[in-house]
Amino acid sequence: SIGFLSKALRSRQRRFGKFVATNSTYISGQTSGGIDYG
């Protein structure tokens, strides 16, 4: 999908570059077996 984005931007004389995203990397919890979930 990043490759498709890069191609599409170039075809419109726009440049692919850094972007801002605000999703959390915070883990919601851990199971009784020690597996992270979120």
PDB file of all heavy atoms in Angstrom:
ATOM      1  N   SER A   1       0.839  -1.211   0.000  1.00  0.00           N
ATOM      2  CA  SER A   1       0.000   0.000   0.000  1.00  0.00           C
ATOM      3  C   SER A   1       0.869   1.255   0.000  1.00  0.00           C
ATOM      4  O   SER A   1       0.536   2.249  -0.649  1.00  0.00           O
ATOM      5  CB  SER A   1      -0.956   0.003   1.198  1.00  0.00           C
ATOM      6  OG  SER A   1      -0.306   0.354   2.398  1.00  0.00           O
ATOM      7  N   ILE A   2       1.996   1.225   0.712  1.00  0.00           N
ATOM      8  CA  ILE A   2       2.927   2.355   0.679  1.00  0.00           C
ATOM      9  C   ILE A   2       3.481   2.525  -0.726  1.00  0.00           C
ATOM     10  O   ILE A   2       3.644   3.645  -1.222  1.00  0.00           O
ATOM     11  CB  ILE A   2       4.067   2.145   1.706  1.00  0.00           C
ATOM     12  CG1 ILE A   2       3.510   2.172   3.122  1.00  0.00           C
ATOM     13  CG2 ILE A   2       5.150   3.208   1.528  1.00  0.00           C
ATOM     14  CD1 ILE A   2       4.523   1.822   4.200  1.00  0.00           C
ATOM     15  N   GLY A   3       3.762   1.401  -1.396  1.00  0.00           N
ATOM     16  CA  GLY A   3       4.236   1.465  -2.778  1.00  0.00           C
ATOM     17  C   GLY A   3       3.215   2.083  -3.713  1.00  0.00           C
ATOM     18  O   GLY A   3       3.561   2.922  -4.563  1.00  0.00           O
ATOM     19  N   PHE A   4       1.959   1.693  -3.571  1.00  0.00           N
ATOM     20  CA  PHE A   4       0.891   2.292  -4.385  1.00  0.00           C
ATOM     21  C   PHE A   4       0.781   3.788  -4.112  1.00  0.00           C
ATOM     22  O   PHE A   4       0.593   4.589  -5.038  1.00  0.00           O
ATOM     23  CB  PHE A   4      -0.449   1.611  -4.092  1.00  0.00           C
ATOM     24  CG  PHE A   4      -0.664   0.321  -4.826  1.00  0.00           C
ATOM     25  CD1 PHE A   4      -0.827  -0.876  -4.135  1.00  0.00           C
ATOM     26  CD2 PHE A   4      -0.721   0.292  -6.213  1.00  0.00           C
ATOM     27  CE1 PHE A   4      -1.048  -2.073  -4.817  1.00  0.00           C
ATOM     28  CE2 PHE A   4      -0.932  -0.896  -6.902  1.00  0.00           C
ATOM     29  CZ  PHE A   4      -1.095  -2.082  -6.199  1.00  0.00           C
ATOM     30  N   LEU A   5       0.881   4.174  -2.842  1.00  0.00           N
ATOM     31  CA  LEU A   5       0.804   5.587  -2.483  1.00  0.00           C
ATOM     32  C   LEU A   5       1.943   6.375  -3.125  1.00  0.00           C
ATOM     33  O   LEU A   5       1.728   7.449  -3.701  1.00  0.00           O
ATOM     34  CB  LEU A   5       0.842   5.743  -0.960  1.00  0.00           C
ATOM     35  CG  LEU A   5       0.944   7.172  -0.421  1.00  0.00           C
ATOM     36  CD1 LEU A   5      -0.251   8.009  -0.855  1.00  0.00           C
ATOM     37  CD2 LEU A   5       1.063   7.161   1.108  1.00  0.00           C
ATOM     38  N   SER A   6       3.149   5.844  -3.026  1.00  0.00           N
ATOM     39  CA  SER A   6       4.308   6.526  -3.601  1.00  0.00           C
ATOM     40  C   SER A   6       4.147   6.725  -5.103  1.00  0.00           C
ATOM     41  O   SER A   6       4.407   7.821  -5.633  1.00  0.00           O
ATOM     42  CB  SER A   6       5.581   5.716  -3.301  1.00  0.00           C
ATOM     43  OG  SER A   6       6.721   6.328  -3.868  1.00  0.00           O
ATOM     44  N   LYS A   7       3.691   5.691  -5.799  1.00  0.00           N
ATOM     45  CA  LYS A   7       3.473   5.790  -7.246  1.00  0.00           C
ATOM     46  C   LYS A   7       2.395   6.833  -7.569  1.00  0.00           C
ATOM     47  O   LYS A   7       2.544   7.649  -8.488  1.00  0.00           O
ATOM     48  CB  LYS A   7       3.017   4.428  -7.795  1.00  0.00           C
ATOM     49  CG  LYS A   7       4.080   3.348  -7.905  1.00  0.00           C
ATOM     50  CD  LYS A   7       3.404   2.005  -8.202  1.00  0.00           C
ATOM     51  CE  LYS A   7       4.392   0.904  -8.481  1.00  0.00           C
ATOM     52  NZ  LYS A   7       4.905   0.954  -9.859  1.00  0.00           N
ATOM     53  N   ALA A   8       1.298   6.788  -6.821  1.00  0.00           N
ATOM     54  CA  ALA A   8       0.175   7.696  -7.100  1.00  0.00           C
ATOM     55  C   ALA A   8       0.568   9.150  -6.869  1.00  0.00           C
ATOM     56  O   ALA A   8       0.189  10.036  -7.639  1.00  0.00           O
ATOM     57  CB  ALA A   8      -1.022   7.318  -6.225  1.00  0.00           C
ATOM     58  N   LEU A   9       1.339   9.391  -5.823  1.00  0.00           N
ATOM     59  CA  LEU A   9       1.766  10.765  -5.551  1.00  0.00           C
ATOM     60  C   LEU A   9       2.692  11.275  -6.655  1.00  0.00           C
ATOM     61  O   LEU A   9       2.563  12.415  -7.112  1.00  0.00           O
ATOM     62  CB  LEU A   9       2.484  10.829  -4.198  1.00  0.00           C
ATOM     63  CG  LEU A   9       1.601  10.641  -2.954  1.00  0.00           C
ATOM     64  CD1 LEU A   9       2.457  10.554  -1.699  1.00  0.00           C
ATOM     65  CD2 LEU A   9       0.594  11.775  -2.823  1.00  0.00           C
ATOM     66  N   ARG A  10       3.627  10.429  -7.080  1.00  0.00           N
ATOM     67  CA  ARG A  10       4.569  10.849  -8.122  1.00  0.00           C
ATOM     68  C   ARG A  10       3.842  11.174  -9.416  1.00  0.00           C
ATOM     69  O   ARG A  10       4.212  12.116 -10.128  1.00  0.00           O
ATOM     70  CB  ARG A  10       5.626   9.767  -8.342  1.00  0.00           C
ATOM     71  CG  ARG A  10       6.768  10.213  -9.249  1.00  0.00           C
ATOM     72  CD  ARG A  10       7.935   9.264  -9.261  1.00  0.00           C
ATOM     73  NE  ARG A  10       7.564   7.943  -9.726  1.00  0.00           N
ATOM     74  CZ  ARG A  10       7.490   6.863  -8.955  1.00  0.00           C
ATOM     75  NH1 ARG A  10       7.757   6.953  -7.660  1.00  0.00           N
ATOM     76  NH2 ARG A  10       7.138   5.692  -9.452  1.00  0.00           N
ATOM     77  N   SER A  11       2.793  10.412  -9.737  1.00  0.00           N
ATOM     78  CA  SER A  11       2.049  10.659 -10.975  1.00  0.00           C
ATOM     79  C   SER A  11       1.319  11.997 -10.935  1.00  0.00           C
ATOM     80  O   SER A  11       0.923  12.521 -11.978  1.00  0.00           O
ATOM     81  CB  SER A  11       1.036   9.524 -11.221  1.00  0.00           C
ATOM     82  OG  SER A  11      -0.050   9.595 -10.305  1.00  0.00           O
ATOM     83  N   ARG A  12       1.148  12.555  -9.733  1.00  0.00           N
ATOM     84  CA  ARG A  12       0.484  13.857  -9.571  1.00  0.00           C
ATOM     85  C   ARG A  12       1.475  14.966  -9.206  1.00  0.00           C
ATOM     86  O   ARG A  12       1.094  16.007  -8.705  1.00  0.00           O
ATOM     87  CB  ARG A  12      -0.596  13.754  -8.491  1.00  0.00           C
ATOM     88  CG  ARG A  12      -1.809  12.938  -8.913  1.00  0.00           C
ATOM     89  CD  ARG A  12      -2.646  12.586  -7.699  1.00  0.00           C
ATOM     90  NE  ARG A  12      -3.920  11.994  -8.069  1.00  0.00           N
ATOM     91  CZ  ARG A  12      -4.059  10.741  -8.508  1.00  0.00           C
ATOM     92  NH1 ARG A  12      -2.994   9.957  -8.638  1.00  0.00           N
ATOM     93  NH2 ARG A  12      -5.255  10.263  -8.819  1.00  0.00           N
ATOM     94  N   GLN A  13       2.762  14.691  -9.423  1.00  0.00           N
ATOM     95  CA  GLN A  13       3.820  15.649  -9.087  1.00  0.00           C
ATOM     96  C   GLN A  13       3.796  16.026  -7.603  1.00  0.00           C
ATOM     97  O   GLN A  13       4.102  17.150  -7.212  1.00  0.00           O
ATOM     98  CB  GLN A  13       3.725  16.926  -9.948  1.00  0.00           C
ATOM     99  CG  GLN A  13       4.112  16.733 -11.411  1.00  0.00           C
ATOM    100  CD  GLN A  13       3.038  16.018 -12.199  1.00  0.00           C
ATOM    101  OE1 GLN A  13       1.880  16.430 -12.190  1.00  0.00           O
ATOM    102  NE2 GLN A  13       3.400  14.937 -12.887  1.00  0.00           N
ATOM    103  N   ARG A  14       3.408  15.047  -6.788  1.00  0.00           N
ATOM    104  CA  ARG A  14       3.472  15.224  -5.340  1.00  0.00           C
ATOM    105  C   ARG A  14       4.542  14.276  -4.792  1.00  0.00           C
ATOM    106  O   ARG A  14       4.858  13.264  -5.413  1.00  0.00           O
ATOM    107  CB  ARG A  14       2.118  14.925  -4.676  1.00  0.00           C
ATOM    108  CG  ARG A  14       1.018  15.923  -5.050  1.00  0.00           C
ATOM    109  CD  ARG A  14      -0.316  15.486  -4.488  1.00  0.00           C
ATOM    110  NE  ARG A  14      -1.380  16.426  -4.823  1.00  0.00           N
ATOM    111  CZ  ARG A  14      -1.847  17.353  -4.015  1.00  0.00           C
ATOM    112  NH1 ARG A  14      -1.331  17.489  -2.803  1.00  0.00           N
ATOM    113  NH2 ARG A  14      -2.813  18.165  -4.389  1.00  0.00           N
ATOM    114  N   ARG A  15       5.062  14.586  -3.618  1.00  0.00           N
ATOM    115  CA  ARG A  15       6.144  13.782  -3.062  1.00  0.00           C
ATOM    116  C   ARG A  15       5.698  12.984  -1.860  1.00  0.00           C
ATOM    117  O   ARG A  15       4.986  13.483  -0.982  1.00  0.00           O
ATOM    118  CB  ARG A  15       7.318  14.683  -2.674  1.00  0.00           C
ATOM    119  CG  ARG A  15       8.124  15.221  -3.853  1.00  0.00           C
ATOM    120  CD  ARG A  15       9.239  16.120  -3.360  1.00  0.00           C
ATOM    121  NE  ARG A  15      10.070  15.459  -2.360  1.00  0.00           N
ATOM    122  CZ  ARG A  15      10.930  16.100  -1.572  1.00  0.00           C
ATOM    123  NH1 ARG A  15      11.047  17.414  -1.660  1.00  0.00           N
ATOM    124  NH2 ARG A  15      11.664  15.439  -0.705  1.00  0.00           N
ATOM    125  N   PHE A  16       6.139  11.716  -1.827  1.00  0.00           N
ATOM    126  CA  PHE A  16       5.951  10.885  -0.643  1.00  0.00           C
ATOM    127  C   PHE A  16       6.939  11.352   0.420  1.00  0.00           C
ATOM    128  O   PHE A  16       8.072  11.727   0.117  1.00  0.00           O
ATOM    129  CB  PHE A  16       6.208   9.423  -0.992  1.00  0.00           C
ATOM    130  CG  PHE A  16       6.156   8.491   0.192  1.00  0.00           C
ATOM    131  CD1 PHE A  16       4.954   8.178   0.783  1.00  0.00           C
ATOM    132  CD2 PHE A  16       7.318   7.944   0.715  1.00  0.00           C
ATOM    133  CE1 PHE A  16       4.893   7.324   1.877  1.00  0.00           C
ATOM    134  CE2 PHE A  16       7.279   7.087   1.800  1.00  0.00           C
ATOM    135  CZ  PHE A  16       6.065   6.773   2.386  1.00  0.00           C
ATOM    136  N   GLY A  17       6.517  11.370   1.654  1.00  0.00           N
ATOM    137  CA  GLY A  17       7.417  11.791   2.728  1.00  0.00           C
ATOM    138  C   GLY A  17       6.857  11.421   4.085  1.00  0.00           C
ATOM    139  O   GLY A  17       5.906  10.651   4.195  1.00  0.00           O
ATOM    140  N   LYS A  18       7.435  11.986   5.095  1.00  0.00           N
ATOM    141  CA  LYS A  18       7.026  11.648   6.460  1.00  0.00           C
ATOM    142  C   LYS A  18       5.608  12.134   6.738  1.00  0.00           C
ATOM    143  O   LYS A  18       5.139  13.118   6.162  1.00  0.00           O
ATOM    144  CB  LYS A  18       7.994  12.261   7.459  1.00  0.00           C
ATOM    145  CG  LYS A  18       9.389  11.638   7.388  1.00  0.00           C
ATOM    146  CD  LYS A  18      10.088  11.682   8.725  1.00  0.00           C
ATOM    147  CE  LYS A  18      11.367  10.831   8.669  1.00  0.00           C
ATOM    148  NZ  LYS A  18      11.935  10.576   9.995  1.00  0.00           N
ATOM    149  N   PHE A  19       4.928  11.410   7.611  1.00  0.00           N
ATOM    150  CA  PHE A  19       3.574  11.810   7.991  1.00  0.00           C
ATOM    151  C   PHE A  19       3.361  11.631   9.477  1.00  0.00           C
ATOM    152  O   PHE A  19       4.139  10.951  10.164  1.00  0.00           O
ATOM    153  CB  PHE A  19       2.522  11.071   7.173  1.00  0.00           C
ATOM    154  CG  PHE A  19       2.404   9.596   7.453  1.00  0.00           C
ATOM    155  CD1 PHE A  19       1.505   9.111   8.387  1.00  0.00           C
ATOM    156  CD2 PHE A  19       3.176   8.672   6.750  1.00  0.00           C
ATOM    157  CE1 PHE A  19       1.377   7.758   8.639  1.00  0.00           C
ATOM    158  CE2 PHE A  19       3.058   7.315   6.989  1.00  0.00           C
ATOM    159  CZ  PHE A  19       2.159   6.855   7.936  1.00  0.00           C
ATOM    160  N   VAL A  20       2.323  12.268   9.977  1.00  0.00           N
ATOM    161  CA  VAL A  20       2.018  12.205  11.398  1.00  0.00           C
ATOM    162  C   VAL A  20       0.861  11.237  11.613  1.00  0.00           C
ATOM    163  O   VAL A  20      -0.126  11.241  10.875  1.00  0.00           O
ATOM    164  CB  VAL A  20       1.690  13.599  11.972  1.00  0.00           C
ATOM    165  CG1 VAL A  20       0.441  14.183  11.342  1.00  0.00           C
ATOM    166  CG2 VAL A  20       1.538  13.541  13.482  1.00  0.00           C
ATOM    167  N   ALA A  21       1.026  10.365  12.600  1.00  0.00           N
ATOM    168  CA  ALA A  21      -0.031   9.425  12.995  1.00  0.00           C
ATOM    169  C   ALA A  21      -0.116   9.432  14.511  1.00  0.00           C
ATOM    170  O   ALA A  21       0.893   9.629  15.194  1.00  0.00           O
ATOM    171  CB  ALA A  21       0.276   8.030  12.482  1.00  0.00           C
ATOM    172  N   THR A  22      -1.301   9.222  15.046  1.00  0.00           N
ATOM    173  CA  THR A  22      -1.508   9.396  16.489  1.00  0.00           C
ATOM    174  C   THR A  22      -2.025   8.134  17.177  1.00  0.00           C
ATOM    175  O   THR A  22      -2.494   8.198  18.310  1.00  0.00           O
ATOM    176  CB  THR A  22      -2.504  10.549  16.738  1.00  0.00           C
ATOM    177  OG1 THR A  22      -3.738  10.248  16.078  1.00  0.00           O
ATOM    178  CG2 THR A  22      -1.959  11.859  16.207  1.00  0.00           C
ATOM    179  N   ASN A  23      -1.942   6.990  16.500  1.00  0.00           N
ATOM    180  CA  ASN A  23      -2.407   5.744  17.114  1.00  0.00           C
ATOM    181  C   ASN A  23      -1.564   5.398  18.332  1.00  0.00           C
ATOM    182  O   ASN A  23      -0.349   5.633  18.351  1.00  0.00           O
ATOM    183  CB  ASN A  23      -2.336   4.595  16.107  1.00  0.00           C
ATOM    184  CG  ASN A  23      -3.446   4.643  15.102  1.00  0.00           C
ATOM    185  OD1 ASN A  23      -3.982   5.703  14.824  1.00  0.00           O
ATOM    186  ND2 ASN A  23      -3.798   3.506  14.538  1.00  0.00           N
ATOM    187  N   SER A  24      -2.189   4.790  19.305  1.00  0.00           N
ATOM    188  CA  SER A  24      -1.492   4.439  20.544  1.00  0.00           C
ATOM    189  C   SER A  24      -0.718   3.134  20.404  1.00  0.00           C
ATOM    190  O   SER A  24      -1.149   2.208  19.703  1.00  0.00           O
ATOM    191  CB  SER A  24      -2.500   4.304  21.684  1.00  0.00           C
ATOM    192  OG  SER A  24      -1.884   3.798  22.855  1.00  0.00           O
ATOM    193  N   THR A  25       0.441   3.060  21.090  1.00  0.00           N
ATOM    194  CA  THR A  25       1.168   1.789  21.197  1.00  0.00           C
ATOM    195  C   THR A  25       0.975   1.189  22.594  1.00  0.00           C
ATOM    196  O   THR A  25       1.697   0.282  22.992  1.00  0.00           O
ATOM    197  CB  THR A  25       2.672   1.985  20.935  1.00  0.00           C
ATOM    198  OG1 THR A  25       3.207   2.921  21.877  1.00  0.00           O
ATOM    199  CG2 THR A  25       2.915   2.496  19.524  1.00  0.00           C
ATOM    200  N   TYR A  26      -0.015   1.695  23.299  1.00  0.00           N
ATOM    201  CA  TYR A  26      -0.262   1.260  24.675  1.00  0.00           C
ATOM    202  C   TYR A  26      -0.954  -0.102  24.681  1.00  0.00           C
ATOM    203  O   TYR A  26      -1.981  -0.289  24.044  1.00  0.00           O
ATOM    204  CB  TYR A  26      -1.121   2.304  25.391  1.00  0.00           C
ATOM    205  CG  TYR A  26      -1.250   2.103  26.878  1.00  0.00           C
ATOM    206  CD1 TYR A  26      -0.252   2.521  27.747  1.00  0.00           C
ATOM    207  CD2 TYR A  26      -2.387   1.496  27.419  1.00  0.00           C
ATOM    208  CE1 TYR A  26      -0.374   2.351  29.121  1.00  0.00           C
ATOM    209  CE2 TYR A  26      -2.524   1.324  28.789  1.00  0.00           C
ATOM    210  CZ  TYR A  26      -1.509   1.752  29.637  1.00  0.00           C
ATOM    211  OH  TYR A  26      -1.639   1.568  30.996  1.00  0.00           O
ATOM    212  N   ILE A  27      -0.388  -1.048  25.401  1.00  0.00           N
ATOM    213  CA  ILE A  27      -0.957  -2.386  25.522  1.00  0.00           C
ATOM    214  C   ILE A  27      -2.129  -2.374  26.508  1.00  0.00           C
ATOM    215  O   ILE A  27      -2.028  -1.826  27.611  1.00  0.00           O
ATOM    216  CB  ILE A  27       0.120  -3.394  26.004  1.00  0.00           C
ATOM    217  CG1 ILE A  27       1.172  -3.611  24.920  1.00  0.00           C
ATOM    218  CG2 ILE A  27      -0.508  -4.715  26.401  1.00  0.00           C
ATOM    219  CD1 ILE A  27       0.649  -4.302  23.693  1.00  0.00           C
ATOM    220  N   SER A  28      -3.244  -3.001  26.102  1.00  0.00           N
ATOM    221  CA  SER A  28      -4.432  -2.997  26.964  1.00  0.00           C
ATOM    222  C   SER A  28      -4.277  -3.897  28.181  1.00  0.00           C
ATOM    223  O   SER A  28      -4.829  -3.628  29.252  1.00  0.00           O
ATOM    224  CB  SER A  28      -5.665  -3.440  26.158  1.00  0.00           C
ATOM    225  OG  SER A  28      -5.880  -2.584  25.068  1.00  0.00           O
ATOM    226  N   GLY A  29      -3.542  -5.012  28.020  1.00  0.00           N
ATOM    227  CA  GLY A  29      -3.383  -5.931  29.132  1.00  0.00           C
ATOM    228  C   GLY A  29      -2.638  -7.177  28.724  1.00  0.00           C
ATOM    229  O   GLY A  29      -2.052  -7.256  27.639  1.00  0.00           O
ATOM    230  N   GLN A  30      -2.668  -8.169  29.602  1.00  0.00           N
ATOM    231  CA  GLN A  30      -1.963  -9.426  29.373  1.00  0.00           C
ATOM    232  C   GLN A  30      -2.840 -10.569  29.862  1.00  0.00           C
ATOM    233  O   GLN A  30      -3.486 -10.458  30.909  1.00  0.00           O
ATOM    234  CB  GLN A  30      -0.626  -9.405  30.123  1.00  0.00           C
ATOM    235  CG  GLN A  30       0.398 -10.396  29.624  1.00  0.00           C
ATOM    236  CD  GLN A  30       1.747 -10.196  30.280  1.00  0.00           C
ATOM    237  OE1 GLN A  30       1.908 -10.491  31.459  1.00  0.00           O
ATOM    238  NE2 GLN A  30       2.714  -9.690  29.522  1.00  0.00           N
ATOM    239  N   THR A  31      -2.880 -11.653  29.098  1.00  0.00           N
ATOM    240  CA  THR A  31      -3.683 -12.812  29.486  1.00  0.00           C
ATOM    241  C   THR A  31      -3.022 -13.555  30.644  1.00  0.00           C
ATOM    242  O   THR A  31      -1.864 -13.284  30.981  1.00  0.00           O
ATOM    243  CB  THR A  31      -3.859 -13.774  28.301  1.00  0.00           C
ATOM    244  OG1 THR A  31      -2.591 -14.407  28.027  1.00  0.00           O
ATOM    245  CG2 THR A  31      -4.343 -13.049  27.057  1.00  0.00           C
ATOM    246  N   SER A  32      -3.746 -14.507  31.201  1.00  0.00           N
ATOM    247  CA  SER A  32      -3.183 -15.293  32.304  1.00  0.00           C
ATOM    248  C   SER A  32      -1.965 -16.089  31.854  1.00  0.00           C
ATOM    249  O   SER A  32      -1.127 -16.467  32.674  1.00  0.00           O
ATOM    250  CB  SER A  32      -4.248 -16.243  32.871  1.00  0.00           C
ATOM    251  OG  SER A  32      -4.709 -17.139  31.857  1.00  0.00           O
ATOM    252  N   GLY A  33      -1.863 -16.335  30.546  1.00  0.00           N
ATOM    253  CA  GLY A  33      -0.707 -17.048  30.004  1.00  0.00           C
ATOM    254  C   GLY A  33       0.432 -16.133  29.606  1.00  0.00           C
ATOM    255  O   GLY A  33       1.431 -16.581  29.022  1.00  0.00           O
ATOM    256  N   GLY A  34       0.302 -14.842  29.905  1.00  0.00           N
ATOM    257  CA  GLY A  34       1.385 -13.911  29.645  1.00  0.00           C
ATOM    258  C   GLY A  34       1.441 -13.352  28.237  1.00  0.00           C
ATOM    259  O   GLY A  34       2.485 -12.845  27.811  1.00  0.00           O
ATOM    260  N   ILE A  35       0.316 -13.398  27.502  1.00  0.00           N
ATOM    261  CA  ILE A  35       0.284 -12.883  26.127  1.00  0.00           C
ATOM    262  C   ILE A  35      -0.336 -11.488  26.124  1.00  0.00           C
ATOM    263  O   ILE A  35      -1.439 -11.294  26.634  1.00  0.00           O
ATOM    264  CB  ILE A  35      -0.523 -13.825  25.208  1.00  0.00           C
ATOM    265  CG1 ILE A  35       0.068 -15.235  25.239  1.00  0.00           C
ATOM    266  CG2 ILE A  35      -0.532 -13.291  23.771  1.00  0.00           C
ATOM    267  CD1 ILE A  35      -0.791 -16.276  24.520  1.00  0.00           C
ATOM    268  N   ASP A  36       0.384 -10.518  25.551  1.00  0.00           N
ATOM    269  CA  ASP A  36      -0.133  -9.159  25.463  1.00  0.00           C
ATOM    270  C   ASP A  36      -1.364  -9.104  24.561  1.00  0.00           C
ATOM    271  O   ASP A  36      -1.470  -9.859  23.594  1.00  0.00           O
ATOM    272  CB  ASP A  36       0.928  -8.215  24.873  1.00  0.00           C
ATOM    273  CG  ASP A  36       2.102  -7.988  25.810  1.00  0.00           C
ATOM    274  OD1 ASP A  36       1.933  -8.187  27.028  1.00  0.00           O
ATOM    275  OD2 ASP A  36       3.188  -7.628  25.314  1.00  0.00           O
ATOM    276  N   TYR A  37      -2.278  -8.177  24.873  1.00  0.00           N
ATOM    277  CA  TYR A  37      -3.410  -7.946  23.971  1.00  0.00           C
ATOM    278  C   TYR A  37      -3.706  -6.449  23.887  1.00  0.00           C
ATOM    279  O   TYR A  37      -3.393  -5.678  24.791  1.00  0.00           O
ATOM    280  CB  TYR A  37      -4.651  -8.729  24.398  1.00  0.00           C
ATOM    281  CG  TYR A  37      -5.235  -8.375  25.750  1.00  0.00           C
ATOM    282  CD1 TYR A  37      -6.142  -7.318  25.899  1.00  0.00           C
ATOM    283  CD2 TYR A  37      -4.902  -9.114  26.880  1.00  0.00           C
ATOM    284  CE1 TYR A  37      -6.683  -7.006  27.135  1.00  0.00           C
ATOM    285  CE2 TYR A  37      -5.435  -8.807  28.122  1.00  0.00           C
ATOM    286  CZ  TYR A  37      -6.319  -7.749  28.246  1.00  0.00           C
ATOM    287  OH  TYR A  37      -6.853  -7.443  29.474  1.00  0.00           O
ATOM    288  N   GLY A  38      -4.281  -6.072  22.763  1.00  0.00           N
ATOM    289  CA  GLY A  38      -4.626  -4.670  22.526  1.00  0.00           C
ATOM    290  C   GLY A  38      -5.185  -4.524  21.130  1.00  0.00           C
ATOM    291  O   GLY A  38      -5.497  -5.528  20.469  1.00  0.00           O
TER     292      GLY A  38
END
